[in-house]
């Protein structure tokens, strides 16, 4: 009885318009910021390095490099504080947590996109199929 009451209250606060994204995707979060009595929207753009499950307590961590300094921010998935989440590019990764990106610098810290991976695979199959026979 008690658990169902908690789930009922939590279900009221779930967002219905959650954008589908994965770890490794480049996203832009439009976050509402309150300054005094005014409210404005600020974009935070980076790579999703972690997603945690947990119904209404689900979160995701976004990492970006700003002026040479790595910045990570944890966002609740079902928060009413963001307007929208835009997926800029889909990453091609095989891990759930991308903490190794913290140690990489420059171009090494880039994540391969799914489009790049498909083009690389297509070029490899084309090259393998076009070999001359002797």
N, C-alpha and C. Protein backbone atom coordinates (compact mmCIF):
# COMPACT_ATOMS: atom_id res chain seq x y z
N UNK A 1 0.82 -1.19 0.00
CA UNK A 1 0.00 0.00 0.00
C UNK A 1 0.87 1.26 0.00
N UNK A 2 1.88 1.28 0.84
CA UNK A 2 2.71 2.47 0.96
C UNK A 2 3.50 2.71 -0.32
N UNK A 3 4.03 1.64 -0.91
CA UNK A 3 4.81 1.78 -2.14
C UNK A 3 3.93 2.30 -3.29
N UNK A 4 2.72 1.83 -3.39
CA UNK A 4 1.86 2.29 -4.47
C UNK A 4 1.48 3.77 -4.28
N UNK A 5 1.37 4.22 -3.06
CA UNK A 5 1.08 5.63 -2.80
C UNK A 5 2.25 6.50 -3.24
N UNK A 6 3.46 6.07 -2.97
CA UNK A 6 4.66 6.81 -3.39
C UNK A 6 4.74 6.84 -4.91
N UNK A 7 4.49 5.71 -5.55
CA UNK A 7 4.53 5.66 -7.01
C UNK A 7 3.45 6.56 -7.62
N UNK A 8 2.31 6.65 -6.99
CA UNK A 8 1.24 7.52 -7.48
C UNK A 8 1.67 8.98 -7.44
N UNK A 9 2.29 9.39 -6.35
CA UNK A 9 2.74 10.77 -6.22
C UNK A 9 3.87 11.06 -7.21
N UNK A 10 4.80 10.10 -7.36
CA UNK A 10 5.91 10.30 -8.29
C UNK A 10 5.44 10.36 -9.73
N UNK A 11 4.41 9.59 -10.06
CA UNK A 11 3.92 9.55 -11.43
C UNK A 11 3.36 10.89 -11.88
N UNK A 12 2.89 11.70 -10.97
CA UNK A 12 2.37 13.02 -11.31
C UNK A 12 3.47 13.93 -11.87
N UNK A 13 4.71 13.72 -11.43
CA UNK A 13 5.81 14.62 -11.77
C UNK A 13 6.65 14.13 -12.93
N UNK A 14 6.25 13.06 -13.60
CA UNK A 14 7.01 12.57 -14.75
C UNK A 14 6.69 13.42 -15.97
N UNK A 15 7.72 13.70 -16.76
CA UNK A 15 7.53 14.43 -18.01
C UNK A 15 7.08 13.47 -19.10
N UNK A 16 6.21 13.93 -19.96
CA UNK A 16 5.74 13.10 -21.06
C UNK A 16 6.55 13.35 -22.33
N UNK A 17 7.23 14.50 -22.40
CA UNK A 17 7.94 14.90 -23.61
C UNK A 17 9.45 14.70 -23.52
N UNK A 18 9.89 13.59 -22.95
CA UNK A 18 11.32 13.33 -22.78
C UNK A 18 11.91 12.90 -24.12
N UNK A 19 12.98 13.57 -24.54
CA UNK A 19 13.67 13.23 -25.79
C UNK A 19 14.49 11.97 -25.59
N UNK A 20 14.47 11.09 -26.57
CA UNK A 20 15.25 9.86 -26.50
C UNK A 20 16.69 10.14 -26.94
N UNK A 21 17.65 9.83 -26.08
CA UNK A 21 19.06 9.98 -26.40
C UNK A 21 19.83 8.93 -25.63
N UNK A 22 21.08 8.72 -26.04
CA UNK A 22 21.93 7.68 -25.43
C UNK A 22 23.23 8.30 -24.95
N UNK A 23 24.00 7.50 -24.27
CA UNK A 23 25.35 7.91 -23.88
C UNK A 23 26.19 8.06 -25.14
N UNK A 24 26.96 9.13 -25.22
CA UNK A 24 27.79 9.40 -26.39
C UNK A 24 27.18 10.40 -27.34
N UNK A 25 25.90 10.71 -27.18
CA UNK A 25 25.24 11.68 -28.05
C UNK A 25 25.64 13.10 -27.66
N UNK A 26 25.75 13.97 -28.66
CA UNK A 26 25.95 15.39 -28.40
C UNK A 26 24.57 16.03 -28.27
N UNK A 27 24.35 16.71 -27.15
CA UNK A 27 23.03 17.28 -26.88
C UNK A 27 23.17 18.75 -26.51
N UNK A 28 22.06 19.47 -26.67
CA UNK A 28 21.96 20.85 -26.23
C UNK A 28 20.74 20.94 -25.32
N UNK A 29 20.95 21.30 -24.05
CA UNK A 29 19.86 21.41 -23.09
C UNK A 29 19.53 22.89 -22.91
N UNK A 30 18.27 23.24 -23.09
CA UNK A 30 17.82 24.62 -22.88
C UNK A 30 17.27 24.69 -21.47
N UNK A 31 18.09 25.22 -20.55
CA UNK A 31 17.82 25.22 -19.12
C UNK A 31 17.31 26.59 -18.69
N UNK A 32 16.25 26.60 -17.89
CA UNK A 32 15.68 27.86 -17.40
C UNK A 32 16.48 28.33 -16.19
N UNK A 33 16.91 29.58 -16.23
CA UNK A 33 17.69 30.17 -15.14
C UNK A 33 16.93 31.36 -14.59
N UNK A 34 16.81 31.42 -13.28
CA UNK A 34 16.10 32.52 -12.63
C UNK A 34 17.12 33.49 -12.06
N UNK A 35 17.03 34.74 -12.48
CA UNK A 35 17.92 35.79 -11.99
C UNK A 35 17.05 36.89 -11.41
N UNK A 36 16.97 36.96 -10.12
CA UNK A 36 16.09 37.93 -9.47
C UNK A 36 14.64 37.56 -9.74
N UNK A 37 13.91 38.48 -10.35
CA UNK A 37 12.52 38.18 -10.68
C UNK A 37 12.36 37.81 -12.16
N UNK A 38 13.46 37.80 -12.92
CA UNK A 38 13.42 37.44 -14.33
C UNK A 38 13.81 35.98 -14.53
N UNK A 39 13.33 35.41 -15.60
CA UNK A 39 13.70 34.04 -15.95
C UNK A 39 14.12 34.02 -17.41
N UNK A 40 15.26 33.38 -17.69
CA UNK A 40 15.75 33.29 -19.06
C UNK A 40 16.18 31.85 -19.34
N UNK A 41 16.44 31.56 -20.59
CA UNK A 41 16.84 30.22 -20.99
C UNK A 41 18.30 30.26 -21.44
N UNK A 42 19.09 29.34 -20.90
CA UNK A 42 20.50 29.25 -21.26
C UNK A 42 20.78 27.86 -21.80
N UNK A 43 21.50 27.76 -22.91
CA UNK A 43 21.81 26.47 -23.52
C UNK A 43 23.10 25.91 -22.94
N UNK A 44 23.10 24.61 -22.69
CA UNK A 44 24.30 23.90 -22.24
C UNK A 44 24.51 22.78 -23.24
N UNK A 45 25.64 22.80 -23.95
CA UNK A 45 25.88 21.86 -25.03
C UNK A 45 27.10 21.01 -24.72
N UNK A 46 26.97 19.69 -24.88
CA UNK A 46 28.09 18.80 -24.63
C UNK A 46 27.74 17.36 -24.97
N UNK A 47 28.58 16.45 -24.49
CA UNK A 47 28.42 15.03 -24.75
C UNK A 47 27.87 14.36 -23.50
N UNK A 48 26.89 13.49 -23.68
CA UNK A 48 26.33 12.74 -22.56
C UNK A 48 27.33 11.66 -22.19
N UNK A 49 27.87 11.72 -20.97
CA UNK A 49 28.85 10.72 -20.55
C UNK A 49 28.26 9.69 -19.60
N UNK A 50 27.03 9.94 -19.12
CA UNK A 50 26.43 8.97 -18.19
C UNK A 50 24.92 9.18 -18.14
N UNK A 51 24.20 8.06 -18.04
CA UNK A 51 22.76 8.10 -17.80
C UNK A 51 22.47 7.14 -16.66
N UNK A 52 21.67 7.59 -15.71
CA UNK A 52 21.27 6.72 -14.62
C UNK A 52 19.77 6.49 -14.71
N UNK A 53 19.36 5.31 -14.35
CA UNK A 53 17.94 4.97 -14.37
C UNK A 53 17.33 5.32 -13.02
N UNK A 54 16.02 5.18 -12.91
CA UNK A 54 15.41 5.45 -11.62
C UNK A 54 14.09 6.16 -11.73
N UNK A 55 13.29 5.82 -12.72
CA UNK A 55 11.94 6.36 -12.87
C UNK A 55 11.98 7.89 -12.83
N UNK A 56 11.49 8.52 -11.79
CA UNK A 56 11.49 9.99 -11.77
C UNK A 56 12.80 10.54 -11.22
N UNK A 57 13.67 9.71 -10.71
CA UNK A 57 14.98 10.16 -10.21
C UNK A 57 16.09 9.96 -11.24
N UNK A 58 15.75 9.63 -12.47
CA UNK A 58 16.74 9.40 -13.52
C UNK A 58 17.49 10.69 -13.83
N UNK A 59 18.80 10.57 -14.04
CA UNK A 59 19.63 11.72 -14.35
C UNK A 59 20.55 11.39 -15.51
N UNK A 60 21.14 12.43 -16.09
CA UNK A 60 22.19 12.24 -17.08
C UNK A 60 23.23 13.33 -16.89
N UNK A 61 24.48 12.99 -17.18
CA UNK A 61 25.60 13.91 -17.00
C UNK A 61 26.11 14.34 -18.37
N UNK A 62 26.28 15.63 -18.55
CA UNK A 62 26.76 16.20 -19.80
C UNK A 62 28.10 16.86 -19.55
N UNK A 63 29.07 16.60 -20.44
CA UNK A 63 30.41 17.17 -20.31
C UNK A 63 30.72 18.03 -21.52
N UNK A 64 31.30 19.19 -21.24
CA UNK A 64 31.79 20.05 -22.32
C UNK A 64 33.11 20.66 -21.88
N UNK A 65 33.87 21.14 -22.84
CA UNK A 65 35.13 21.83 -22.55
C UNK A 65 34.92 23.29 -22.89
N UNK A 66 35.05 24.14 -21.88
CA UNK A 66 34.83 25.57 -22.06
C UNK A 66 36.11 26.32 -21.69
N UNK A 67 36.70 26.97 -22.69
CA UNK A 67 37.94 27.73 -22.50
C UNK A 67 39.03 26.86 -21.89
N UNK A 68 39.14 25.62 -22.35
CA UNK A 68 40.19 24.71 -21.91
C UNK A 68 39.92 24.02 -20.59
N UNK A 69 38.76 24.26 -19.99
CA UNK A 69 38.42 23.64 -18.71
C UNK A 69 37.22 22.73 -18.92
N UNK A 70 37.33 21.49 -18.47
CA UNK A 70 36.22 20.56 -18.59
C UNK A 70 35.13 20.87 -17.58
N UNK A 71 33.89 20.94 -18.05
CA UNK A 71 32.74 21.25 -17.20
C UNK A 71 31.74 20.12 -17.33
N UNK A 72 31.32 19.56 -16.19
CA UNK A 72 30.30 18.52 -16.19
C UNK A 72 29.12 19.00 -15.38
N UNK A 73 27.93 18.65 -15.85
CA UNK A 73 26.73 19.05 -15.16
C UNK A 73 25.74 17.90 -15.16
N UNK A 74 25.09 17.68 -14.04
CA UNK A 74 24.12 16.60 -13.90
C UNK A 74 22.73 17.20 -14.00
N UNK A 75 21.93 16.64 -14.92
CA UNK A 75 20.57 17.11 -15.14
C UNK A 75 19.58 16.01 -14.79
N UNK A 76 18.49 16.33 -14.09
CA UNK A 76 17.42 15.36 -13.90
C UNK A 76 16.61 15.23 -15.20
N UNK A 77 16.28 14.00 -15.58
CA UNK A 77 15.56 13.77 -16.83
C UNK A 77 14.16 14.36 -16.77
N UNK A 78 13.49 14.25 -15.64
CA UNK A 78 12.10 14.68 -15.52
C UNK A 78 11.95 16.05 -14.84
N UNK A 79 12.97 16.89 -14.94
CA UNK A 79 12.92 18.20 -14.31
C UNK A 79 12.03 19.16 -15.09
N UNK A 80 11.26 19.99 -14.41
CA UNK A 80 10.49 21.01 -15.11
C UNK A 80 11.34 22.24 -15.46
N UNK A 81 12.62 22.25 -15.10
CA UNK A 81 13.47 23.42 -15.30
C UNK A 81 14.04 23.53 -16.72
N UNK A 82 13.97 22.47 -17.53
CA UNK A 82 14.47 22.61 -18.88
C UNK A 82 13.31 22.69 -19.87
N UNK A 83 13.53 23.49 -20.93
CA UNK A 83 12.51 23.64 -21.95
C UNK A 83 12.52 22.48 -22.92
N UNK A 84 13.73 22.15 -23.41
CA UNK A 84 13.83 21.05 -24.35
C UNK A 84 15.26 20.54 -24.38
N UNK A 85 15.41 19.32 -24.92
CA UNK A 85 16.71 18.71 -25.13
C UNK A 85 16.82 18.42 -26.62
N UNK A 86 17.84 18.98 -27.26
CA UNK A 86 18.08 18.74 -28.68
C UNK A 86 19.22 17.75 -28.81
N UNK A 87 19.04 16.74 -29.64
CA UNK A 87 20.12 15.81 -29.96
C UNK A 87 20.79 16.32 -31.22
N UNK A 88 22.05 16.73 -31.10
CA UNK A 88 22.77 17.30 -32.24
C UNK A 88 23.38 16.23 -33.11
N UNK A 89 23.97 15.19 -32.50
CA UNK A 89 24.53 14.07 -33.25
C UNK A 89 24.50 12.83 -32.37
N UNK A 90 24.37 11.69 -33.02
CA UNK A 90 24.33 10.41 -32.33
C UNK A 90 25.74 9.84 -32.26
N UNK A 91 26.17 9.47 -31.06
CA UNK A 91 27.50 8.91 -30.89
C UNK A 91 27.50 7.41 -31.06
N UNK A 92 28.61 6.88 -31.56
CA UNK A 92 28.76 5.45 -31.76
C UNK A 92 29.71 4.92 -30.69
N UNK A 93 29.17 4.58 -29.53
CA UNK A 93 29.98 4.09 -28.41
C UNK A 93 29.42 2.76 -27.92
N UNK A 94 30.26 1.99 -27.28
CA UNK A 94 29.86 0.69 -26.77
C UNK A 94 29.87 0.63 -25.25
N UNK A 95 29.84 1.77 -24.61
CA UNK A 95 29.87 1.82 -23.15
C UNK A 95 28.71 2.65 -22.63
N UNK A 96 28.38 2.42 -21.37
CA UNK A 96 27.33 3.20 -20.73
C UNK A 96 27.90 4.44 -20.05
N UNK A 97 29.13 4.34 -19.60
CA UNK A 97 29.78 5.46 -18.90
C UNK A 97 31.06 5.82 -19.64
N UNK A 98 31.20 7.06 -20.00
CA UNK A 98 32.34 7.51 -20.79
C UNK A 98 33.29 8.36 -19.97
N UNK A 99 33.65 7.87 -18.79
CA UNK A 99 34.51 8.64 -17.90
C UNK A 99 35.94 8.76 -18.43
N UNK A 100 36.32 7.90 -19.37
CA UNK A 100 37.67 7.99 -19.93
C UNK A 100 37.86 9.29 -20.73
N UNK A 101 36.78 9.95 -21.11
CA UNK A 101 36.90 11.22 -21.84
C UNK A 101 37.50 12.32 -20.96
N UNK A 102 37.43 12.16 -19.65
CA UNK A 102 37.99 13.17 -18.74
C UNK A 102 39.50 13.28 -18.88
N UNK A 103 40.16 12.18 -19.22
CA UNK A 103 41.61 12.17 -19.31
C UNK A 103 42.14 12.54 -20.69
N UNK A 104 41.26 12.58 -21.70
CA UNK A 104 41.69 12.87 -23.06
C UNK A 104 41.64 14.37 -23.32
N UNK A 105 42.52 14.81 -24.22
CA UNK A 105 42.61 16.23 -24.55
C UNK A 105 42.55 16.42 -26.06
N UNK A 106 42.00 17.54 -26.47
CA UNK A 106 42.00 17.91 -27.89
C UNK A 106 41.14 17.00 -28.74
N UNK A 107 41.67 16.66 -29.92
CA UNK A 107 40.91 15.85 -30.87
C UNK A 107 40.71 14.41 -30.38
N UNK A 108 41.54 13.96 -29.47
CA UNK A 108 41.41 12.60 -28.94
C UNK A 108 40.12 12.43 -28.14
N UNK A 109 39.57 13.53 -27.65
CA UNK A 109 38.37 13.43 -26.82
C UNK A 109 37.09 13.43 -27.64
N UNK A 110 37.19 13.41 -28.97
CA UNK A 110 36.00 13.36 -29.81
C UNK A 110 35.38 11.97 -29.78
N UNK A 111 34.08 11.91 -29.93
CA UNK A 111 33.35 10.65 -30.00
C UNK A 111 32.92 10.46 -31.45
N UNK A 112 33.13 9.26 -31.98
CA UNK A 112 32.75 8.97 -33.36
C UNK A 112 31.23 8.98 -33.49
N UNK A 113 30.71 9.62 -34.52
CA UNK A 113 29.27 9.65 -34.74
C UNK A 113 28.83 8.42 -35.51
N UNK A 114 27.56 8.11 -35.46
CA UNK A 114 27.05 6.93 -36.16
C UNK A 114 27.20 7.09 -37.67
N UNK A 115 27.06 8.31 -38.20
CA UNK A 115 27.22 8.54 -39.64
C UNK A 115 28.65 8.24 -40.07
N UNK A 116 29.64 8.68 -39.26
CA UNK A 116 31.04 8.41 -39.58
C UNK A 116 31.33 6.91 -39.56
N UNK A 117 30.75 6.20 -38.59
CA UNK A 117 30.98 4.77 -38.49
C UNK A 117 30.38 4.03 -39.70
N UNK A 118 29.19 4.45 -40.14
CA UNK A 118 28.57 3.82 -41.31
C UNK A 118 29.38 4.08 -42.57
N UNK A 119 29.90 5.30 -42.73
CA UNK A 119 30.71 5.61 -43.90
C UNK A 119 32.00 4.81 -43.89
N UNK A 120 32.61 4.64 -42.71
CA UNK A 120 33.85 3.87 -42.61
C UNK A 120 33.61 2.41 -42.96
N UNK A 121 32.47 1.84 -42.46
CA UNK A 121 32.13 0.46 -42.78
C UNK A 121 31.85 0.27 -44.26
N UNK A 122 31.14 1.22 -44.86
CA UNK A 122 30.83 1.12 -46.29
C UNK A 122 32.09 1.20 -47.13
N UNK A 123 33.02 2.06 -46.75
CA UNK A 123 34.28 2.17 -47.49
C UNK A 123 35.10 0.90 -47.35
N UNK A 124 35.07 0.28 -46.17
CA UNK A 124 35.83 -0.96 -45.96
C UNK A 124 35.25 -2.11 -46.78
N UNK A 125 33.93 -2.22 -46.84
CA UNK A 125 33.32 -3.30 -47.63
C UNK A 125 33.51 -3.06 -49.12
N UNK A 126 33.48 -1.80 -49.54
CA UNK A 126 33.70 -1.47 -50.95
C UNK A 126 35.13 -1.80 -51.34
N UNK A 127 36.07 -1.48 -50.48
CA UNK A 127 37.49 -1.75 -50.74
C UNK A 127 37.75 -3.25 -50.78
N UNK A 128 37.13 -4.00 -49.87
CA UNK A 128 37.34 -5.45 -49.84
C UNK A 128 36.71 -6.12 -51.04
N UNK A 129 35.60 -5.60 -51.53
CA UNK A 129 34.92 -6.20 -52.67
C UNK A 129 35.53 -5.82 -54.01
N UNK A 130 36.34 -4.78 -54.08
CA UNK A 130 36.89 -4.28 -55.34
C UNK A 130 38.34 -4.71 -55.56
N UNK A 131 38.84 -5.70 -54.84
CA UNK A 131 40.22 -6.13 -55.00
C UNK A 131 40.36 -6.93 -56.30
N UNK A 132 41.36 -6.62 -57.10
CA UNK A 132 41.55 -7.35 -58.37
C UNK A 132 42.01 -8.78 -58.11
N UNK A 133 41.57 -9.66 -58.99
CA UNK A 133 41.98 -11.06 -58.86
C UNK A 133 43.09 -11.33 -59.85
N UNK A 134 44.06 -12.16 -59.47
CA UNK A 134 45.22 -12.42 -60.33
C UNK A 134 45.07 -13.67 -61.12
